[in-house]
PDB file of N, CA and C in Angstrom:
ATOM      1  N   MET A   1     -81.688 -69.285 -49.042  1.00  0.00           N
ATOM      2  CA  MET A   1     -82.363 -69.389 -47.772  1.00  0.00           C
ATOM      3  C   MET A   1     -82.028 -68.195 -46.888  1.00  0.00           C
ATOM      4  N   ALA A   2     -80.768 -67.777 -46.866  1.00  0.00           N
ATOM      5  CA  ALA A   2     -80.387 -66.656 -46.009  1.00  0.00           C
ATOM      6  C   ALA A   2     -81.072 -65.384 -46.466  1.00  0.00           C
ATOM      7  N   LYS A   3     -81.269 -65.224 -47.754  1.00  0.00           N
ATOM      8  CA  LYS A   3     -81.920 -64.025 -48.266  1.00  0.00           C
ATOM      9  C   LYS A   3     -83.366 -63.956 -47.780  1.00  0.00           C
ATOM     10  N   GLN A   4     -84.034 -65.077 -47.707  1.00  0.00           N
ATOM     11  CA  GLN A   4     -85.411 -65.096 -47.242  1.00  0.00           C
ATOM     12  C   GLN A   4     -85.509 -64.608 -45.808  1.00  0.00           C
ATOM     13  N   LYS A   5     -84.557 -64.959 -44.976  1.00  0.00           N
ATOM     14  CA  LYS A   5     -84.588 -64.542 -43.583  1.00  0.00           C
ATOM     15  C   LYS A   5     -84.367 -63.043 -43.459  1.00  0.00           C
ATOM     16  N   LYS A   6     -83.553 -62.452 -44.325  1.00  0.00           N
ATOM     17  CA  LYS A   6     -83.283 -61.023 -44.250  1.00  0.00           C
ATOM     18  C   LYS A   6     -84.499 -60.195 -44.635  1.00  0.00           C
ATOM     19  N   GLU A   7     -85.383 -60.728 -45.445  1.00  0.00           N
ATOM     20  CA  GLU A   7     -86.551 -59.988 -45.888  1.00  0.00           C
ATOM     21  C   GLU A   7     -87.679 -60.005 -44.870  1.00  0.00           C
ATOM     22  N   ARG A   8     -87.551 -60.814 -43.832  1.00  0.00           N
ATOM     23  CA  ARG A   8     -88.593 -60.880 -42.813  1.00  0.00           C
ATOM     24  C   ARG A   8     -88.520 -59.658 -41.920  1.00  0.00           C
ATOM     25  N   ILE A   9     -89.678 -59.110 -41.603  1.00  0.00           N
ATOM     26  CA  ILE A   9     -89.731 -57.969 -40.693  1.00  0.00           C
ATOM     27  C   ILE A   9     -90.602 -58.341 -39.502  1.00  0.00           C
ATOM     28  N   ASN A  10     -90.397 -57.675 -38.403  1.00  0.00           N
ATOM     29  CA  ASN A  10     -91.147 -57.912 -37.182  1.00  0.00           C
ATOM     30  C   ASN A  10     -91.149 -59.393 -36.806  1.00  0.00           C
ATOM     31  N   VAL A  11     -89.978 -60.011 -36.780  1.00  0.00           N
ATOM     32  CA  VAL A  11     -89.873 -61.436 -36.503  1.00  0.00           C
ATOM     33  C   VAL A  11     -90.128 -61.681 -35.017  1.00  0.00           C
ATOM     34  N   VAL A  12     -91.080 -62.537 -34.755  1.00  0.00           N
ATOM     35  CA  VAL A  12     -91.373 -62.991 -33.402  1.00  0.00           C
ATOM     36  C   VAL A  12     -91.525 -64.497 -33.450  1.00  0.00           C
ATOM     37  N   TYR A  13     -91.287 -65.110 -32.342  1.00  0.00           N
ATOM     38  CA  TYR A  13     -91.455 -66.548 -32.267  1.00  0.00           C
ATOM     39  C   TYR A  13     -92.819 -66.840 -31.653  1.00  0.00           C
ATOM     40  N   SER A  14     -93.520 -67.758 -32.280  1.00  0.00           N
ATOM     41  CA  SER A  14     -94.870 -68.033 -31.839  1.00  0.00           C
ATOM     42  C   SER A  14     -95.092 -69.537 -31.788  1.00  0.00           C
ATOM     43  N   THR A  15     -95.951 -69.924 -30.885  1.00  0.00           N
ATOM     44  CA  THR A  15     -96.332 -71.333 -30.820  1.00  0.00           C
ATOM     45  C   THR A  15     -97.567 -71.604 -31.667  1.00  0.00           C
ATOM     46  N   ASN A  16     -98.113 -70.570 -32.266  1.00  0.00           N
ATOM     47  CA  ASN A  16     -99.277 -70.714 -33.135  1.00  0.00           C
ATOM     48  C   ASN A  16     -98.847 -71.406 -34.434  1.00  0.00           C
ATOM     49  N   PRO A  17     -99.416 -72.545 -34.771  1.00  0.00           N
ATOM     50  CA  PRO A  17     -98.992 -73.252 -35.983  1.00  0.00           C
ATOM     51  C   PRO A  17     -99.396 -72.525 -37.271  1.00  0.00           C
ATOM     52  N   ASN A  18    -100.332 -71.587 -37.205  1.00  0.00           N
ATOM     53  CA  ASN A  18    -100.773 -70.871 -38.396  1.00  0.00           C
ATOM     54  C   ASN A  18    -100.069 -69.521 -38.568  1.00  0.00           C
ATOM     55  N   TYR A  19     -99.053 -69.247 -37.765  1.00  0.00           N
ATOM     56  CA  TYR A  19     -98.357 -67.961 -37.846  1.00  0.00           C
ATOM     57  C   TYR A  19     -97.578 -67.868 -39.150  1.00  0.00           C
ATOM     58  N   GLN A  20     -97.631 -66.692 -39.788  1.00  0.00           N
ATOM     59  CA  GLN A  20     -96.868 -66.450 -41.016  1.00  0.00           C
ATOM     60  C   GLN A  20     -96.033 -65.198 -40.834  1.00  0.00           C
ATOM     61  N   TYR A  21     -94.840 -65.225 -41.391  1.00  0.00           N
ATOM     62  CA  TYR A  21     -93.947 -64.080 -41.308  1.00  0.00           C
ATOM     63  C   TYR A  21     -94.421 -62.977 -42.240  1.00  0.00           C
ATOM     64  N   GLU A  22     -94.171 -61.728 -41.815  1.00  0.00           N
ATOM     65  CA  GLU A  22     -94.381 -60.597 -42.705  1.00  0.00           C
ATOM     66  C   GLU A  22     -93.075 -60.392 -43.469  1.00  0.00           C
ATOM     67  N   GLU A  23     -93.167 -60.157 -44.758  1.00  0.00           N
ATOM     68  CA  GLU A  23     -91.965 -59.952 -45.551  1.00  0.00           C
ATOM     69  C   GLU A  23     -92.050 -58.621 -46.266  1.00  0.00           C
ATOM     70  N   GLU A  24     -90.868 -58.008 -46.455  1.00  0.00           N
ATOM     71  CA  GLU A  24     -90.811 -56.738 -47.165  1.00  0.00           C
ATOM     72  C   GLU A  24     -91.145 -56.957 -48.633  1.00  0.00           C
ATOM     73  N   GLN A  25     -91.858 -56.010 -49.167  1.00  0.00           N
ATOM     74  CA  GLN A  25     -92.140 -56.036 -50.591  1.00  0.00           C
ATOM     75  C   GLN A  25     -91.138 -55.105 -51.259  1.00  0.00           C
ATOM     76  N   GLY A  26     -90.289 -55.626 -52.119  1.00  0.00           N
ATOM     77  CA  GLY A  26     -89.285 -54.811 -52.798  1.00  0.00           C
ATOM     78  C   GLY A  26     -89.944 -53.879 -53.796  1.00  0.00           C
ATOM     79  N   ASP A  27     -89.727 -52.583 -53.625  1.00  0.00           N
ATOM     80  CA  ASP A  27     -90.261 -51.610 -54.560  1.00  0.00           C
ATOM     81  C   ASP A  27     -89.335 -51.531 -55.764  1.00  0.00           C
ATOM     82  N   VAL A  28     -89.697 -52.217 -56.830  1.00  0.00           N
ATOM     83  CA  VAL A  28     -88.907 -52.200 -58.044  1.00  0.00           C
ATOM     84  C   VAL A  28     -89.487 -51.131 -58.951  1.00  0.00           C
ATOM     85  N   GLN A  29     -88.678 -50.129 -59.218  1.00  0.00           N
ATOM     86  CA  GLN A  29     -89.145 -49.019 -60.033  1.00  0.00           C
ATOM     87  C   GLN A  29     -88.921 -49.353 -61.504  1.00  0.00           C
ATOM     88  N   GLU A  30     -89.957 -49.163 -62.304  1.00  0.00           N
ATOM     89  CA  GLU A  30     -89.852 -49.410 -63.732  1.00  0.00           C
ATOM     90  C   GLU A  30     -89.015 -48.320 -64.382  1.00  0.00           C
ATOM     91  N   THR A  31     -88.191 -48.717 -65.337  1.00  0.00           N
ATOM     92  CA  THR A  31     -87.371 -47.761 -66.063  1.00  0.00           C
ATOM     93  C   THR A  31     -88.208 -47.117 -67.153  1.00  0.00           C
ATOM     94  N   LEU A  32     -88.229 -45.798 -67.150  1.00  0.00           N
ATOM     95  CA  LEU A  32     -88.950 -45.069 -68.191  1.00  0.00           C
ATOM     96  C   LEU A  32     -88.211 -45.191 -69.513  1.00  0.00           C
ATOM     97  N   PRO A  33     -88.935 -45.114 -70.630  1.00  0.00           N
ATOM     98  CA  PRO A  33     -88.251 -45.104 -71.930  1.00  0.00           C
ATOM     99  C   PRO A  33     -87.319 -43.894 -72.033  1.00  0.00           C
ATOM    100  N   ASN A  34     -86.289 -44.018 -72.854  1.00  0.00           N
ATOM    101  CA  ASN A  34     -85.291 -42.954 -72.972  1.00  0.00           C
ATOM    102  C   ASN A  34     -85.903 -41.608 -73.341  1.00  0.00           C
ATOM    103  N   ASN A  35     -86.887 -41.600 -74.242  1.00  0.00           N
ATOM    104  CA  ASN A  35     -87.443 -40.323 -74.704  1.00  0.00           C
ATOM    105  C   ASN A  35     -88.302 -39.641 -73.638  1.00  0.00           C
ATOM    106  N   GLN A  36     -88.649 -40.324 -72.550  1.00  0.00           N
ATOM    107  CA  GLN A  36     -89.432 -39.727 -71.472  1.00  0.00           C
ATOM    108  C   GLN A  36     -88.564 -39.290 -70.289  1.00  0.00           C
ATOM    109  N   GLN A  37     -87.265 -39.533 -70.352  1.00  0.00           N
ATOM    110  CA  GLN A  37     -86.367 -39.188 -69.255  1.00  0.00           C
ATOM    111  C   GLN A  37     -85.681 -37.848 -69.532  1.00  0.00           C
ATOM    112  N   VAL A  38     -85.437 -37.101 -68.477  1.00  0.00           N
ATOM    113  CA  VAL A  38     -84.650 -35.876 -68.571  1.00  0.00           C
ATOM    114  C   VAL A  38     -83.478 -36.027 -67.619  1.00  0.00           C
ATOM    115  N   LEU A  39     -82.270 -36.057 -68.175  1.00  0.00           N
ATOM    116  CA  LEU A  39     -81.060 -36.209 -67.377  1.00  0.00           C
ATOM    117  C   LEU A  39     -80.351 -34.863 -67.282  1.00  0.00           C
ATOM    118  N   TYR A  40     -79.816 -34.557 -66.109  1.00  0.00           N
ATOM    119  CA  TYR A  40     -79.109 -33.309 -65.866  1.00  0.00           C
ATOM    120  C   TYR A  40     -77.617 -33.608 -65.816  1.00  0.00           C
ATOM    121  N   VAL A  41     -76.837 -32.916 -66.655  1.00  0.00           N
ATOM    122  CA  VAL A  41     -75.403 -33.149 -66.750  1.00  0.00           C
ATOM    123  C   VAL A  41     -74.678 -31.908 -66.239  1.00  0.00           C
ATOM    124  N   SER A  42     -73.769 -32.095 -65.288  1.00  0.00           N
ATOM    125  CA  SER A  42     -73.032 -30.968 -64.718  1.00  0.00           C
ATOM    126  C   SER A  42     -71.604 -31.381 -64.385  1.00  0.00           C
ATOM    127  N   ILE A  43     -70.785 -30.363 -64.101  1.00  0.00           N
ATOM    128  CA  ILE A  43     -69.409 -30.579 -63.658  1.00  0.00           C
ATOM    129  C   ILE A  43     -69.381 -30.319 -62.156  1.00  0.00           C
ATOM    130  N   ASP A  44     -68.707 -31.190 -61.418  1.00  0.00           N
ATOM    131  CA  ASP A  44     -68.672 -31.069 -59.966  1.00  0.00           C
ATOM    132  C   ASP A  44     -67.230 -31.208 -59.476  1.00  0.00           C
ATOM    133  N   LYS A  45     -66.853 -30.357 -58.500  1.00  0.00           N
ATOM    134  CA  LYS A  45     -65.519 -30.432 -57.892  1.00  0.00           C
ATOM    135  C   LYS A  45     -65.600 -30.585 -56.377  1.00  0.00           C
ATOM    136  N   LYS A  46     -66.788 -30.491 -55.818  1.00  0.00           N
ATOM    137  CA  LYS A  46     -66.944 -30.471 -54.372  1.00  0.00           C
ATOM    138  C   LYS A  46     -66.485 -31.779 -53.731  1.00  0.00           C
ATOM    139  N   GLN A  47     -65.696 -31.663 -52.702  1.00  0.00           N
ATOM    140  CA  GLN A  47     -65.194 -32.790 -51.912  1.00  0.00           C
ATOM    141  C   GLN A  47     -64.467 -33.818 -52.762  1.00  0.00           C
ATOM    142  N   ARG A  48     -63.758 -33.341 -53.783  1.00  0.00           N
ATOM    143  CA  ARG A  48     -63.018 -34.250 -54.655  1.00  0.00           C
ATOM    144  C   ARG A  48     -61.569 -33.791 -54.839  1.00  0.00           C
ATOM    145  N   ALA A  49     -61.046 -33.062 -53.884  1.00  0.00           N
ATOM    146  CA  ALA A  49     -59.664 -32.576 -53.899  1.00  0.00           C
ATOM    147  C   ALA A  49     -59.366 -31.763 -55.154  1.00  0.00           C
ATOM    148  N   GLY A  50     -60.332 -30.993 -55.637  1.00  0.00           N
ATOM    149  CA  GLY A  50     -60.132 -30.134 -56.801  1.00  0.00           C
ATOM    150  C   GLY A  50     -60.248 -30.831 -58.134  1.00  0.00           C
ATOM    151  N   LYS A  51     -60.440 -32.126 -58.143  1.00  0.00           N
ATOM    152  CA  LYS A  51     -60.568 -32.864 -59.397  1.00  0.00           C
ATOM    153  C   LYS A  51     -61.995 -32.727 -59.931  1.00  0.00           C
ATOM    154  N   GLU A  52     -62.125 -32.620 -61.237  1.00  0.00           N
ATOM    155  CA  GLU A  52     -63.443 -32.478 -61.853  1.00  0.00           C
ATOM    156  C   GLU A  52     -64.041 -33.838 -62.169  1.00  0.00           C
ATOM    157  N   VAL A  53     -65.333 -33.951 -61.973  1.00  0.00           N
ATOM    158  CA  VAL A  53     -66.086 -35.114 -62.425  1.00  0.00           C
ATOM    159  C   VAL A  53     -67.321 -34.613 -63.153  1.00  0.00           C
ATOM    160  N   THR A  54     -67.774 -35.388 -64.105  1.00  0.00           N
ATOM    161  CA  THR A  54     -69.020 -35.092 -64.788  1.00  0.00           C
ATOM    162  C   THR A  54     -70.113 -35.876 -64.080  1.00  0.00           C
ATOM    163  N   LEU A  55     -71.152 -35.168 -63.660  1.00  0.00           N
ATOM    164  CA  LEU A  55     -72.214 -35.739 -62.846  1.00  0.00           C
ATOM    165  C   LEU A  55     -73.490 -35.824 -63.669  1.00  0.00           C
ATOM    166  N   ILE A  56     -74.087 -37.000 -63.750  1.00  0.00           N
ATOM    167  CA  ILE A  56     -75.352 -37.213 -64.467  1.00  0.00           C
ATOM    168  C   ILE A  56     -76.395 -37.586 -63.432  1.00  0.00           C
ATOM    169  N   GLU A  57     -77.466 -36.786 -63.340  1.00  0.00           N
ATOM    170  CA  GLU A  57     -78.528 -36.993 -62.360  1.00  0.00           C
ATOM    171  C   GLU A  57     -79.873 -37.080 -63.059  1.00  0.00           C
ATOM    172  N   GLY A  58     -80.877 -37.578 -62.350  1.00  0.00           N
ATOM    173  CA  GLY A  58     -82.250 -37.546 -62.830  1.00  0.00           C
ATOM    174  C   GLY A  58     -82.727 -38.816 -63.505  1.00  0.00           C
ATOM    175  N   PHE A  59     -81.955 -39.895 -63.454  1.00  0.00           N
ATOM    176  CA  PHE A  59     -82.370 -41.146 -64.094  1.00  0.00           C
ATOM    177  C   PHE A  59     -83.509 -41.766 -63.301  1.00  0.00           C
ATOM    178  N   VAL A  60     -84.573 -42.141 -64.012  1.00  0.00           N
ATOM    179  CA  VAL A  60     -85.723 -42.784 -63.377  1.00  0.00           C
ATOM    180  C   VAL A  60     -85.758 -44.231 -63.838  1.00  0.00           C
ATOM    181  N   GLY A  61     -85.495 -45.142 -62.915  1.00  0.00           N
ATOM    182  CA  GLY A  61     -85.506 -46.548 -63.282  1.00  0.00           C
ATOM    183  C   GLY A  61     -84.790 -47.379 -62.241  1.00  0.00           C
ATOM    184  N   ASN A  62     -84.606 -48.653 -62.572  1.00  0.00           N
ATOM    185  CA  ASN A  62     -83.978 -49.544 -61.598  1.00  0.00           C
ATOM    186  C   ASN A  62     -82.454 -49.419 -61.646  1.00  0.00           C
ATOM    187  N   GLU A  63     -81.823 -49.929 -60.629  1.00  0.00           N
ATOM    188  CA  GLU A  63     -80.377 -49.776 -60.436  1.00  0.00           C
ATOM    189  C   GLU A  63     -79.573 -50.464 -61.543  1.00  0.00           C
ATOM    190  N   ASP A  64     -80.054 -51.598 -62.048  1.00  0.00           N
ATOM    191  CA  ASP A  64     -79.319 -52.311 -63.091  1.00  0.00           C
ATOM    192  C   ASP A  64     -79.241 -51.502 -64.382  1.00  0.00           C
ATOM    193  N   ASP A  65     -80.335 -50.844 -64.755  1.00  0.00           N
ATOM    194  CA  ASP A  65     -80.323 -50.026 -65.969  1.00  0.00           C
ATOM    195  C   ASP A  65     -79.422 -48.809 -65.805  1.00  0.00           C
ATOM    196  N   LEU A  66     -79.397 -48.248 -64.606  1.00  0.00           N
ATOM    197  CA  LEU A  66     -78.519 -47.112 -64.330  1.00  0.00           C
ATOM    198  C   LEU A  66     -77.055 -47.543 -64.440  1.00  0.00           C
ATOM    199  N   LYS A  67     -76.720 -48.710 -63.899  1.00  0.00           N
ATOM    200  CA  LYS A  67     -75.349 -49.216 -63.992  1.00  0.00           C
ATOM    201  C   LYS A  67     -74.954 -49.482 -65.436  1.00  0.00           C
ATOM    202  N   GLU A  68     -75.895 -49.993 -66.225  1.00  0.00           N
ATOM    203  CA  GLU A  68     -75.614 -50.256 -67.639  1.00  0.00           C
ATOM    204  C   GLU A  68     -75.340 -48.953 -68.391  1.00  0.00           C
ATOM    205  N   LEU A  69     -76.119 -47.910 -68.120  1.00  0.00           N
ATOM    206  CA  LEU A  69     -75.891 -46.607 -68.743  1.00  0.00           C
ATOM    207  C   LEU A  69     -74.536 -46.052 -68.323  1.00  0.00           C
ATOM    208  N   GLY A  70     -74.190 -46.184 -67.048  1.00  0.00           N
ATOM    209  CA  GLY A  70     -72.889 -45.732 -66.569  1.00  0.00           C
ATOM    210  C   GLY A  70     -71.745 -46.460 -67.253  1.00  0.00           C
ATOM    211  N   LYS A  71     -71.913 -47.739 -67.464  1.00  0.00           N
ATOM    212  CA  LYS A  71     -70.885 -48.540 -68.132  1.00  0.00           C
ATOM    213  C   LYS A  71     -70.680 -48.081 -69.570  1.00  0.00           C
ATOM    214  N   VAL A  72     -71.781 -47.795 -70.257  1.00  0.00           N
ATOM    215  CA  VAL A  72     -71.701 -47.315 -71.646  1.00  0.00           C
ATOM    216  C   VAL A  72     -70.982 -45.972 -71.708  1.00  0.00           C
ATOM    217  N   LEU A  73     -71.353 -45.056 -70.815  1.00  0.00           N
ATOM    218  CA  LEU A  73     -70.735 -43.725 -70.820  1.00  0.00           C
ATOM    219  C   LEU A  73     -69.247 -43.796 -70.490  1.00  0.00           C
ATOM    220  N   LYS A  74     -68.874 -44.631 -69.517  1.00  0.00           N
ATOM    221  CA  LYS A  74     -67.464 -44.762 -69.163  1.00  0.00           C
ATOM    222  C   LYS A  74     -66.652 -45.321 -70.325  1.00  0.00           C
ATOM    223  N   SER A  75     -67.198 -46.303 -71.018  1.00  0.00           N
ATOM    224  CA  SER A  75     -66.451 -46.909 -72.121  1.00  0.00           C
ATOM    225  C   SER A  75     -66.331 -45.957 -73.302  1.00  0.00           C
ATOM    226  N   LYS A  76     -67.372 -45.184 -73.589  1.00  0.00           N
ATOM    227  CA  LYS A  76     -67.311 -44.254 -74.719  1.00  0.00           C
ATOM    228  C   LYS A  76     -66.397 -43.071 -74.436  1.00  0.00           C
ATOM    229  N   CYS A  77     -66.260 -42.685 -73.164  1.00  0.00           N
ATOM    230  CA  CYS A  77     -65.351 -41.590 -72.801  1.00  0.00           C
ATOM    231  C   CYS A  77     -63.938 -42.104 -72.547  1.00  0.00           C
ATOM    232  N   GLY A  78     -63.795 -43.394 -72.328  1.00  0.00           N
ATOM    233  CA  GLY A  78     -62.478 -43.976 -72.101  1.00  0.00           C
ATOM    234  C   GLY A  78     -61.883 -43.645 -70.751  1.00  0.00           C
ATOM    235  N   VAL A  79     -62.733 -43.438 -69.756  1.00  0.00           N
ATOM    236  CA  VAL A  79     -62.266 -43.091 -68.412  1.00  0.00           C
ATOM    237  C   VAL A  79     -63.011 -43.928 -67.386  1.00  0.00           C
ATOM    238  N   GLY A  80     -62.636 -43.755 -66.139  1.00  0.00           N
ATOM    239  CA  GLY A  80     -63.303 -44.452 -65.049  1.00  0.00           C
ATOM    240  C   GLY A  80     -64.464 -43.643 -64.517  1.00  0.00           C
ATOM    241  N   GLY A  81     -65.165 -44.240 -63.602  1.00  0.00           N
ATOM    242  CA  GLY A  81     -66.298 -43.574 -62.980  1.00  0.00           C
ATOM    243  C   GLY A  81     -67.009 -44.534 -62.064  1.00  0.00           C
ATOM    244  N   THR A  82     -68.139 -44.079 -61.548  1.00  0.00           N
ATOM    245  CA  THR A  82     -68.905 -44.913 -60.634  1.00  0.00           C
ATOM    246  C   THR A  82     -70.382 -44.567 -60.734  1.00  0.00           C
ATOM    247  N   VAL A  83     -71.192 -45.492 -60.249  1.00  0.00           N
ATOM    248  CA  VAL A  83     -72.633 -45.282 -60.164  1.00  0.00           C
ATOM    249  C   VAL A  83     -73.019 -45.498 -58.707  1.00  0.00           C
ATOM    250  N   LYS A  84     -73.546 -44.440 -58.062  1.00  0.00           N
ATOM    251  CA  LYS A  84     -73.986 -44.585 -56.676  1.00  0.00           C
ATOM    252  C   LYS A  84     -75.011 -43.514 -56.356  1.00  0.00           C
ATOM    253  N   ASP A  85     -75.896 -43.833 -55.453  1.00  0.00           N
ATOM    254  CA  ASP A  85     -76.944 -42.915 -54.991  1.00  0.00           C
ATOM    255  C   ASP A  85     -77.786 -42.371 -56.139  1.00  0.00           C
ATOM    256  N   GLY A  86     -78.021 -43.176 -57.158  1.00  0.00           N
ATOM    257  CA  GLY A  86     -78.853 -42.740 -58.276  1.00  0.00           C
ATOM    258  C   GLY A  86     -78.168 -41.753 -59.199  1.00  0.00           C
ATOM    259  N   GLU A  87     -76.856 -41.615 -59.108  1.00  0.00           N
ATOM    260  CA  GLU A  87     -76.088 -40.694 -59.946  1.00  0.00           C
ATOM    261  C   GLU A  87     -74.960 -41.446 -60.630  1.00  0.00           C
ATOM    262  N   ILE A  88     -74.531 -40.900 -61.767  1.00  0.00           N
ATOM    263  CA  ILE A  88     -73.380 -41.443 -62.477  1.00  0.00           C
ATOM    264  C   ILE A  88     -72.275 -40.405 -62.390  1.00  0.00           C
ATOM    265  N   LEU A  89     -71.098 -40.823 -61.937  1.00  0.00           N
ATOM    266  CA  LEU A  89     -69.932 -39.946 -61.867  1.00  0.00           C
ATOM    267  C   LEU A  89     -68.906 -40.435 -62.879  1.00  0.00           C
ATOM    268  N   ILE A  90     -68.517 -39.554 -63.798  1.00  0.00           N
ATOM    269  CA  ILE A  90     -67.504 -39.869 -64.798  1.00  0.00           C
ATOM    270  C   ILE A  90     -66.292 -39.001 -64.488  1.00  0.00           C
ATOM    271  N   GLN A  91     -65.109 -39.598 -64.393  1.00  0.00           N
ATOM    272  CA  GLN A  91     -63.911 -38.847 -64.051  1.00  0.00           C
ATOM    273  C   GLN A  91     -63.531 -37.914 -65.188  1.00  0.00           C
ATOM    274  N   GLY A  92     -63.341 -36.632 -64.865  1.00  0.00           N
ATOM    275  CA  GLY A  92     -62.909 -35.647 -65.856  1.00  0.00           C
ATOM    276  C   GLY A  92     -64.070 -34.811 -66.366  1.00  0.00           C
ATOM    277  N   ASN A  93     -63.718 -33.821 -67.189  1.00  0.00           N
ATOM    278  CA  ASN A  93     -64.701 -32.904 -67.755  1.00  0.00           C
ATOM    279  C   ASN A  93     -65.113 -33.400 -69.143  1.00  0.00           C
ATOM    280  N   PHE A  94     -66.175 -34.192 -69.194  1.00  0.00           N
ATOM    281  CA  PHE A  94     -66.683 -34.760 -70.443  1.00  0.00           C
ATOM    282  C   PHE A  94     -68.136 -34.351 -70.674  1.00  0.00           C
ATOM    283  N   ARG A  95     -68.528 -33.184 -70.155  1.00  0.00           N
ATOM    284  CA  ARG A  95     -69.939 -32.781 -70.213  1.00  0.00           C
ATOM    285  C   ARG A  95     -70.465 -32.734 -71.642  1.00  0.00           C
ATOM    286  N   ASP A  96     -69.756 -32.068 -72.552  1.00  0.00           N
ATOM    287  CA  ASP A  96     -70.249 -31.928 -73.922  1.00  0.00           C
ATOM    288  C   ASP A  96     -70.326 -33.275 -74.639  1.00  0.00           C
ATOM    289  N   LYS A  97     -69.328 -34.113 -74.446  1.00  0.00           N
ATOM    290  CA  LYS A  97     -69.320 -35.435 -75.079  1.00  0.00           C
ATOM    291  C   LYS A  97     -70.459 -36.301 -74.550  1.00  0.00           C
ATOM    292  N   ILE A  98     -70.692 -36.248 -73.251  1.00  0.00           N
ATOM    293  CA  ILE A  98     -71.763 -37.049 -72.647  1.00  0.00           C
ATOM    294  C   ILE A  98     -73.128 -36.556 -73.111  1.00  0.00           C
ATOM    295  N   ILE A  99     -73.286 -35.247 -73.232  1.00  0.00           N
ATOM    296  CA  ILE A  99     -74.556 -34.705 -73.738  1.00  0.00           C
ATOM    297  C   ILE A  99     -74.828 -35.227 -75.141  1.00  0.00           C
ATOM    298  N   GLU A 100     -73.808 -35.238 -76.000  1.00  0.00           N
ATOM    299  CA  GLU A 100     -73.973 -35.771 -77.361  1.00  0.00           C
ATOM    300  C   GLU A 100     -74.350 -37.251 -77.338  1.00  0.00           C
ATOM    301  N   ILE A 101     -73.671 -38.031 -76.504  1.00  0.00           N
ATOM    302  CA  ILE A 101     -73.945 -39.474 -76.421  1.00  0.00           C
ATOM    303  C   ILE A 101     -75.379 -39.717 -75.961  1.00  0.00           C
ATOM    304  N   LEU A 102     -75.808 -38.990 -74.927  1.00  0.00           N
ATOM    305  CA  LEU A 102     -77.158 -39.181 -74.393  1.00  0.00           C
ATOM    306  C   LEU A 102     -78.222 -38.749 -75.402  1.00  0.00           C
ATOM    307  N   GLN A 103     -77.958 -37.687 -76.159  1.00  0.00           N
ATOM    308  CA  GLN A 103     -78.924 -37.252 -77.172  1.00  0.00           C
ATOM    309  C   GLN A 103     -79.038 -38.272 -78.300  1.00  0.00           C
ATOM    310  N   LYS A 104     -77.932 -38.924 -78.654  1.00  0.00           N
ATOM    311  CA  LYS A 104     -77.982 -39.985 -79.666  1.00  0.00           C
ATOM    312  C   LYS A 104     -78.802 -41.177 -79.175  1.00  0.00           C
ATOM    313  N   GLU A 105     -78.789 -41.405 -77.848  1.00  0.00           N
ATOM    314  CA  GLU A 105     -79.569 -42.487 -77.249  1.00  0.00           C
ATOM    315  C   GLU A 105     -81.015 -42.066 -76.984  1.00  0.00           C
ATOM    316  N   LYS A 106     -81.397 -40.862 -77.430  1.00  0.00           N
ATOM    317  CA  LYS A 106     -82.764 -40.330 -77.345  1.00  0.00           C
ATOM    318  C   LYS A 106     -83.181 -39.938 -75.930  1.00  0.00           C
ATOM    319  N   PHE A 107     -82.227 -39.621 -75.058  1.00  0.00           N
ATOM    320  CA  PHE A 107     -82.543 -39.101 -73.734  1.00  0.00           C
ATOM    321  C   PHE A 107     -82.795 -37.602 -73.847  1.00  0.00           C
ATOM    322  N   GLY A 108     -83.657 -37.091 -72.993  1.00  0.00           N
ATOM    323  CA  GLY A 108     -83.774 -35.649 -72.846  1.00  0.00           C
ATOM    324  C   GLY A 108     -82.619 -35.202 -71.953  1.00  0.00           C
ATOM    325  N   VAL A 109     -81.870 -34.183 -72.365  1.00  0.00           N
ATOM    326  CA  VAL A 109     -80.682 -33.788 -71.635  1.00  0.00           C
ATOM    327  C   VAL A 109     -80.734 -32.290 -71.370  1.00  0.00           C
ATOM    328  N   LYS A 110     -80.379 -31.898 -70.138  1.00  0.00           N
ATOM    329  CA  LYS A 110     -80.268 -30.493 -69.783  1.00  0.00           C
ATOM    330  C   LYS A 110     -78.896 -30.261 -69.158  1.00  0.00           C
ATOM    331  N   ARG A 111     -78.248 -29.194 -69.598  1.00  0.00           N
ATOM    332  CA  ARG A 111     -76.961 -28.802 -69.027  1.00  0.00           C
ATOM    333  C   ARG A 111     -77.248 -28.049 -67.735  1.00  0.00           C
ATOM    334  N   LYS A 112     -76.530 -28.400 -66.697  1.00  0.00           N
ATOM    335  CA  LYS A 112     -76.772 -27.811 -65.386  1.00  0.00           C
ATOM    336  C   LYS A 112     -75.509 -27.085 -64.925  1.00  0.00           C
ATOM    337  N   GLY A 113     -75.659 -25.839 -64.534  1.00  0.00           N
ATOM    338  CA  GLY A 113     -74.541 -25.106 -63.952  1.00  0.00           C
ATOM    339  C   GLY A 113     -73.541 -24.560 -64.937  1.00  0.00           C
ATOM    340  N   GLY A 114     -73.942 -23.694 -65.813  1.00  0.00           N
ATOM    341  CA  GLY A 114     -73.012 -22.963 -66.662  1.00  0.00           C
ATOM    342  C   GLY A 114     -72.656 -23.539 -67.916  1.00  0.00           C
TER     343      GLY A 114
END
């Protein structure tokens, strides 16, 4: 019930018995098949106290599929990481290993930045 109230927009109180609330329509993006996606893999140190992370960008799809891909990559590399803002961050320099894993999963992969 609480979720329904949060989706209402432009809420006004009316004495009109036929009044209906306007509700947000959730834009659910369909996940493209792996062979149609191009993921960019790079190493990033910015704003991370000099520590390296492997950054995977360019995933087209819903948040749940992105989290699942992040979980697979973290487990295969044996390290921690996070999924946020449409990107996957893997702790450490695992660019080559991640590129191999993604190519085995039939993703299009491009190395970014050297």
